[in-house]
Amino acid sequence: MILDDFESRPGSAPSLLRTVIGSYLRELGGWISVSELIRLMGALGISPEQARTAVTRVKGKGVLDSEQVDGVRGYRLADDAIPMLENGDRRIFSFRQQEDGGEWCLVSFSLPETARATRHQLRRRLEWIGCGTVTTGLWIGPAFLTEEVERILADLDIRDCATVFITKSPQTAGSLRDAVAQWWDLERLAQLHHDFLAAFAVVPDKIGAENPEMAFSGYIHALDSWRTIPYLDPGLQPSALPENWPGFASVALFQRIQRELGPIASTFVSPEARQPLLRS
């Protein structure tokens, strides 16, 4: 199973390339020429040399394959990468918010010391879908993460080492808000939202329909910075979050950027390209 490359720093050439691939390559039939890819990356401030290095890294992750079409060199989206991109679509473009009083998913697991590497992968992947840590062997998240938890357990072949619980009311020693602040690094999550707001709040107002290249650059840079946030922030119920939680404003900003810049940006990729991954 191919996983998204969250180790790449947002704004870096590999990260921007992954964002371009996820946004447009399926819309273009799964193939893109070398020259067209370099043109798109150039609009993002990435040199041809940086773009080629990024392609090498992404190919090494199993996302792209080299392929010539009618004698033209290009890259084909790997079939195994499609489920990863489809899962990303659901996370990135459909931010889920747990309702007050909503259900929780808890996953309890115990792995022997001989499975240390698997245990590390499990914890890392639970963190990357937005789960919080109650104890080292007990993790928690909104109940809508249950399907993804089950997928991780099956993918790591450790389903028989874990028990998944669904509950509506975790009984904590103090308030649920205090417990949530211990289970998740809310300061880190809040900073991600503040950074996104600071970097992109003015973008929709600065770019108009008359400049598709600027729209493409602004949209992809915003999407690239945003796309890891819905993985790390599970969308916890509002009553469990601190006052003035910045996540609500950043979700609204991203949705506005997507709505206003996404269709314009697609015209820069190809006049015939459909609006990339636009969600109502």
Protein backbone atom coordinates (compact mmCIF):
# COMPACT_ATOMS: atom_id res chain seq x y z
CA MET A 1 0.00 0.00 0.00
CA ILE A 2 1.39 3.41 -1.02
CA LEU A 3 1.14 6.06 1.68
CA ASP A 4 1.22 9.81 1.30
CA ASP A 5 4.64 11.34 1.93
CA PHE A 6 4.05 13.55 4.95
CA GLU A 7 7.76 13.74 5.63
CA SER A 8 8.12 16.24 2.78
CA ARG A 9 8.07 19.83 4.00
CA PRO A 10 5.08 21.80 2.64
CA GLY A 11 6.37 24.15 -0.04
CA SER A 12 9.27 21.88 -0.98
CA ALA A 13 9.57 20.56 -4.52
CA PRO A 14 8.58 16.95 -3.60
CA SER A 15 5.58 18.13 -1.60
CA LEU A 16 4.38 20.49 -4.34
CA LEU A 17 4.83 17.77 -6.92
CA ARG A 18 2.69 15.37 -4.86
CA THR A 19 0.04 18.08 -4.63
CA VAL A 20 0.05 18.70 -8.38
CA ILE A 21 -0.15 14.95 -9.05
CA GLY A 22 -3.03 14.50 -6.63
CA SER A 23 -4.93 17.50 -7.97
CA TYR A 24 -4.63 17.07 -11.72
CA LEU A 25 -3.05 13.91 -13.04
CA ARG A 26 -6.19 11.80 -12.82
CA GLU A 27 -8.11 14.59 -14.55
CA LEU A 28 -5.58 14.49 -17.40
CA GLY A 29 -5.98 10.77 -18.00
CA GLY A 30 -3.21 9.67 -15.65
CA TRP A 31 -0.30 10.79 -17.88
CA ILE A 32 1.64 14.02 -18.27
CA SER A 33 4.59 14.94 -20.48
CA VAL A 34 7.92 15.92 -18.97
CA SER A 35 7.73 19.38 -20.56
CA GLU A 36 4.20 20.03 -19.23
CA LEU A 37 5.14 18.92 -15.73
CA ILE A 38 8.19 21.20 -15.76
CA ARG A 39 5.96 24.07 -16.94
CA LEU A 40 3.54 23.54 -14.05
CA MET A 41 6.31 23.24 -11.48
CA GLY A 42 7.96 26.38 -12.91
CA ALA A 43 4.77 28.32 -12.21
CA LEU A 44 5.22 27.29 -8.57
CA GLY A 45 8.79 28.64 -8.44
CA ILE A 46 10.45 25.24 -8.88
CA SER A 47 13.38 25.04 -11.32
CA PRO A 48 13.64 22.21 -13.89
CA GLU A 49 16.50 20.69 -11.91
CA GLN A 50 14.49 20.75 -8.68
CA ALA A 51 11.50 19.31 -10.51
CA ARG A 52 13.53 16.40 -11.88
CA THR A 53 14.93 15.64 -8.43
CA ALA A 54 11.42 15.71 -6.99
CA VAL A 55 10.22 13.34 -9.72
CA THR A 56 13.00 10.91 -8.84
CA ARG A 57 11.90 10.93 -5.21
CA VAL A 58 8.22 10.50 -6.05
CA LYS A 59 9.00 7.68 -8.48
CA GLY A 60 10.98 6.01 -5.69
CA LYS A 61 7.84 6.10 -3.54
CA GLY A 62 5.94 4.21 -6.23
CA VAL A 63 3.65 7.07 -7.24
CA LEU A 64 4.87 7.68 -10.81
CA ASP A 65 6.26 5.53 -13.62
CA SER A 66 8.15 6.76 -16.67
CA GLU A 67 6.24 6.21 -19.91
CA GLN A 68 6.49 7.44 -23.48
CA VAL A 69 3.32 8.21 -25.41
CA ASP A 70 3.66 8.65 -29.19
CA GLY A 71 7.38 9.19 -28.69
CA VAL A 72 6.88 11.89 -26.03
CA ARG A 73 8.57 11.32 -22.67
CA GLY A 74 6.31 11.58 -19.67
CA TYR A 75 5.07 10.08 -16.46
CA ARG A 76 2.16 7.76 -15.72
CA LEU A 77 0.33 7.66 -12.38
CA ALA A 78 0.95 4.25 -10.81
CA ASP A 79 -2.20 2.18 -10.32
CA ASP A 80 -1.28 1.45 -6.70
CA ALA A 81 -1.18 5.18 -5.96
CA ILE A 82 -4.83 5.77 -6.85
CA PRO A 83 -6.31 4.48 -3.54
CA MET A 84 -3.93 6.77 -1.64
CA LEU A 85 -5.05 9.78 -3.68
CA GLU A 86 -8.72 8.89 -3.33
CA ASN A 87 -8.32 8.62 0.44
CA GLY A 88 -6.59 11.99 0.40
CA ASP A 89 -9.52 13.50 -1.52
CA ARG A 90 -11.91 12.49 1.24
CA ARG A 91 -9.71 13.90 3.97
CA ILE A 92 -8.56 17.10 2.33
CA PHE A 93 -11.73 18.28 0.62
CA SER A 94 -14.35 17.04 3.08
CA PHE A 95 -13.20 18.15 6.52
CA ARG A 96 -15.20 16.24 9.13
CA GLN A 97 -16.19 17.86 12.42
CA GLN A 98 -17.35 15.75 15.33
CA GLU A 99 -20.63 16.90 16.85
CA ASP A 100 -20.87 17.76 20.55
CA GLY A 101 -21.75 14.56 22.34
CA GLY A 102 -20.63 12.49 19.35
CA GLU A 103 -19.19 9.00 19.61
CA TRP A 104 -15.54 8.12 20.09
CA CYS A 105 -13.40 5.27 18.79
CA LEU A 106 -10.81 3.76 21.12
CA VAL A 107 -8.21 1.25 19.96
CA SER A 108 -6.35 -0.83 22.51
CA PHE A 109 -3.39 -2.91 21.37
CA SER A 110 -0.59 -5.03 22.77
CA LEU A 111 2.36 -6.12 20.64
CA PRO A 112 5.40 -8.14 21.77
CA GLU A 113 8.85 -6.62 21.88
CA THR A 114 9.76 -8.65 18.80
CA ALA A 115 7.21 -6.57 16.88
CA ARG A 116 8.72 -3.24 17.89
CA ALA A 117 8.96 -1.99 14.30
CA THR A 118 5.28 -2.81 13.66
CA ARG A 119 4.30 -1.11 16.91
CA HIS A 120 6.17 2.02 15.80
CA GLN A 121 4.39 1.97 12.43
CA LEU A 122 1.02 1.54 14.14
CA ARG A 123 1.53 4.51 16.45
CA ARG A 124 2.86 6.65 13.62
CA ARG A 125 -0.09 5.87 11.37
CA LEU A 126 -2.64 6.37 14.14
CA GLU A 127 -1.13 9.79 14.73
CA TRP A 128 -1.31 10.55 11.01
CA ILE A 129 -5.05 9.92 10.88
CA GLY A 130 -5.60 12.25 13.84
CA CYS A 131 -5.85 9.90 16.81
CA GLY A 132 -4.83 11.05 20.28
CA THR A 133 -2.85 9.13 22.88
CA VAL A 134 -4.54 8.11 26.13
CA THR A 135 -1.70 5.72 27.05
CA THR A 136 1.00 4.06 24.95
CA GLY A 137 -1.34 1.17 24.18
CA LEU A 138 -4.64 3.05 24.05
CA TRP A 139 -5.49 5.61 21.38
CA ILE A 140 -8.66 7.62 20.77
CA GLY A 141 -10.35 9.56 18.01
CA PRO A 142 -13.80 10.54 16.74
CA ALA A 143 -15.86 7.50 15.79
CA PHE A 144 -15.76 8.44 12.10
CA LEU A 145 -12.08 7.37 12.15
CA THR A 146 -13.06 3.75 12.89
CA GLU A 147 -12.90 2.59 9.27
CA GLU A 148 -9.41 4.04 8.88
CA VAL A 149 -8.28 2.45 12.17
CA GLU A 150 -9.54 -0.93 10.95
CA ARG A 151 -7.75 -0.43 7.63
CA ILE A 152 -4.45 0.28 9.40
CA LEU A 153 -4.78 -2.79 11.63
CA ALA A 154 -5.52 -4.99 8.63
CA ASP A 155 -2.73 -3.45 6.54
CA LEU A 156 -0.20 -4.16 9.32
CA ASP A 157 -1.68 -7.65 9.82
CA ILE A 158 -2.21 -7.11 13.57
CA ARG A 159 -6.00 -7.14 13.82
CA ASP A 160 -5.83 -10.00 16.33
CA CYS A 161 -3.60 -7.85 18.58
CA ALA A 162 -6.09 -5.00 18.98
CA THR A 163 -9.58 -4.29 20.28
CA VAL A 164 -11.65 -1.40 18.97
CA PHE A 165 -14.29 0.20 21.19
CA ILE A 166 -17.01 2.73 20.33
CA THR A 167 -18.28 4.88 23.18
CA LYS A 168 -20.28 8.08 23.54
CA SER A 169 -19.08 9.16 26.97
CA PRO A 170 -15.46 8.55 28.01
CA GLN A 171 -15.41 8.73 31.80
CA THR A 172 -12.51 11.03 32.61
CA ALA A 173 -11.26 12.17 36.01
CA GLY A 174 -11.80 15.82 35.08
CA SER A 175 -13.64 17.52 32.24
CA LEU A 176 -13.56 16.11 28.73
CA ARG A 177 -11.91 19.35 27.57
CA ASP A 178 -9.05 18.81 30.04
CA ALA A 179 -8.67 15.19 28.92
CA VAL A 180 -8.62 16.14 25.24
CA ALA A 181 -5.84 18.65 25.98
CA GLN A 182 -3.79 15.74 27.36
CA TRP A 183 -4.59 13.31 24.56
CA TRP A 184 -3.77 15.70 21.71
CA ASP A 185 -1.10 18.36 21.24
CA LEU A 186 -3.65 21.13 20.74
CA GLU A 187 -1.02 23.87 20.78
CA ARG A 188 0.66 22.27 17.78
CA LEU A 189 -2.65 21.86 15.95
CA ALA A 190 -3.66 25.44 16.70
CA GLN A 191 -0.32 26.69 15.37
CA LEU A 192 -0.86 24.83 12.09
CA HIS A 193 -4.18 26.64 11.66
CA HIS A 194 -2.71 30.01 12.66
CA ASP A 195 0.14 29.55 10.17
CA PHE A 196 -2.28 28.70 7.37
CA LEU A 197 -4.44 31.72 8.13
CA ALA A 198 -1.42 34.04 8.28
CA ALA A 199 0.01 32.76 5.00
CA PHE A 200 -3.13 32.60 2.87
CA ALA A 201 -5.81 34.90 4.28
CA VAL A 202 -5.20 37.52 1.55
CA VAL A 203 -4.72 35.08 -1.34
CA PRO A 204 -8.34 34.96 -2.60
CA ASP A 205 -8.54 38.76 -2.77
CA LYS A 206 -5.20 39.23 -4.56
CA ILE A 207 -5.86 36.90 -7.49
CA GLY A 208 -8.48 37.41 -10.16
CA ALA A 209 -9.87 35.39 -13.04
CA GLU A 210 -7.67 37.26 -15.51
CA ASN A 211 -4.49 35.51 -14.34
CA PRO A 212 -4.82 31.68 -14.37
CA GLU A 213 -1.10 31.18 -13.69
CA MET A 214 -1.30 33.20 -10.46
CA ALA A 215 -4.48 31.37 -9.53
CA PHE A 216 -2.75 28.04 -10.12
CA SER A 217 0.25 29.06 -8.01
CA GLY A 218 -1.86 30.45 -5.19
CA TYR A 219 -4.21 27.47 -5.18
CA ILE A 220 -1.50 24.80 -5.23
CA HIS A 221 0.62 26.51 -2.56
CA ALA A 222 -2.45 26.83 -0.33
CA LEU A 223 -3.52 23.24 -0.97
CA ASP A 224 0.01 22.00 -0.33
CA SER A 225 0.10 23.76 3.04
CA TRP A 226 -3.41 22.64 3.94
CA ARG A 227 -3.36 18.98 2.92
CA THR A 228 -1.59 17.64 6.02
CA ILE A 229 -3.81 19.55 8.46
CA PRO A 230 -6.97 17.42 8.04
CA TYR A 231 -4.87 14.35 8.86
CA LEU A 232 -3.36 15.75 12.04
CA ASP A 233 -6.51 17.58 13.18
CA PRO A 234 -9.35 15.04 13.46
CA GLY A 235 -12.06 17.69 13.84
CA LEU A 236 -12.86 17.27 17.52
CA GLN A 237 -16.21 18.30 18.94
CA PRO A 238 -16.32 22.07 19.58
CA SER A 239 -17.15 21.81 23.29
CA ALA A 240 -13.93 19.84 23.85
CA LEU A 241 -11.73 22.46 22.17
CA PRO A 242 -10.27 25.68 23.62
CA GLU A 243 -12.17 28.92 23.17
CA ASN A 244 -11.57 30.75 19.88
CA TRP A 245 -10.29 27.61 18.18
CA PRO A 246 -8.58 28.78 14.93
CA GLY A 247 -9.47 25.60 13.06
CA PHE A 248 -12.95 26.83 12.20
CA ALA A 249 -11.57 29.92 10.44
CA SER A 250 -8.86 28.03 8.57
CA VAL A 251 -11.36 25.42 7.30
CA ALA A 252 -13.55 28.25 6.00
CA LEU A 253 -10.56 29.95 4.36
CA PHE A 254 -9.44 26.78 2.59
CA GLN A 255 -12.96 26.15 1.33
CA ARG A 256 -13.10 29.69 -0.03
CA ILE A 257 -9.72 29.29 -1.79
CA GLN A 258 -10.85 25.99 -3.26
CA ARG A 259 -14.15 27.45 -4.42
CA GLU A 260 -12.76 30.68 -5.90
CA LEU A 261 -9.31 29.71 -7.21
CA GLY A 262 -9.69 26.01 -8.05
CA PRO A 263 -11.71 26.45 -11.26
CA ILE A 264 -9.44 29.24 -12.51
CA ALA A 265 -6.31 27.25 -11.70
CA SER A 266 -7.54 24.31 -13.77
CA THR A 267 -7.55 26.46 -16.90
CA PHE A 268 -3.80 26.97 -16.53
CA VAL A 269 -3.19 23.22 -16.48
CA SER A 270 -5.12 22.63 -19.70
CA PRO A 271 -7.94 24.51 -21.41
CA GLU A 272 -9.83 21.21 -21.56
CA ALA A 273 -9.05 20.17 -17.99
CA ARG A 274 -12.01 19.70 -15.74
CA GLN A 275 -12.19 21.54 -12.43
CA PRO A 276 -9.76 19.58 -10.22
CA LEU A 277 -11.36 17.80 -7.28
CA LEU A 278 -13.87 20.59 -6.70
CA ARG A 279 -16.28 19.83 -3.88
CA SER A 280 -19.45 21.73 -3.10
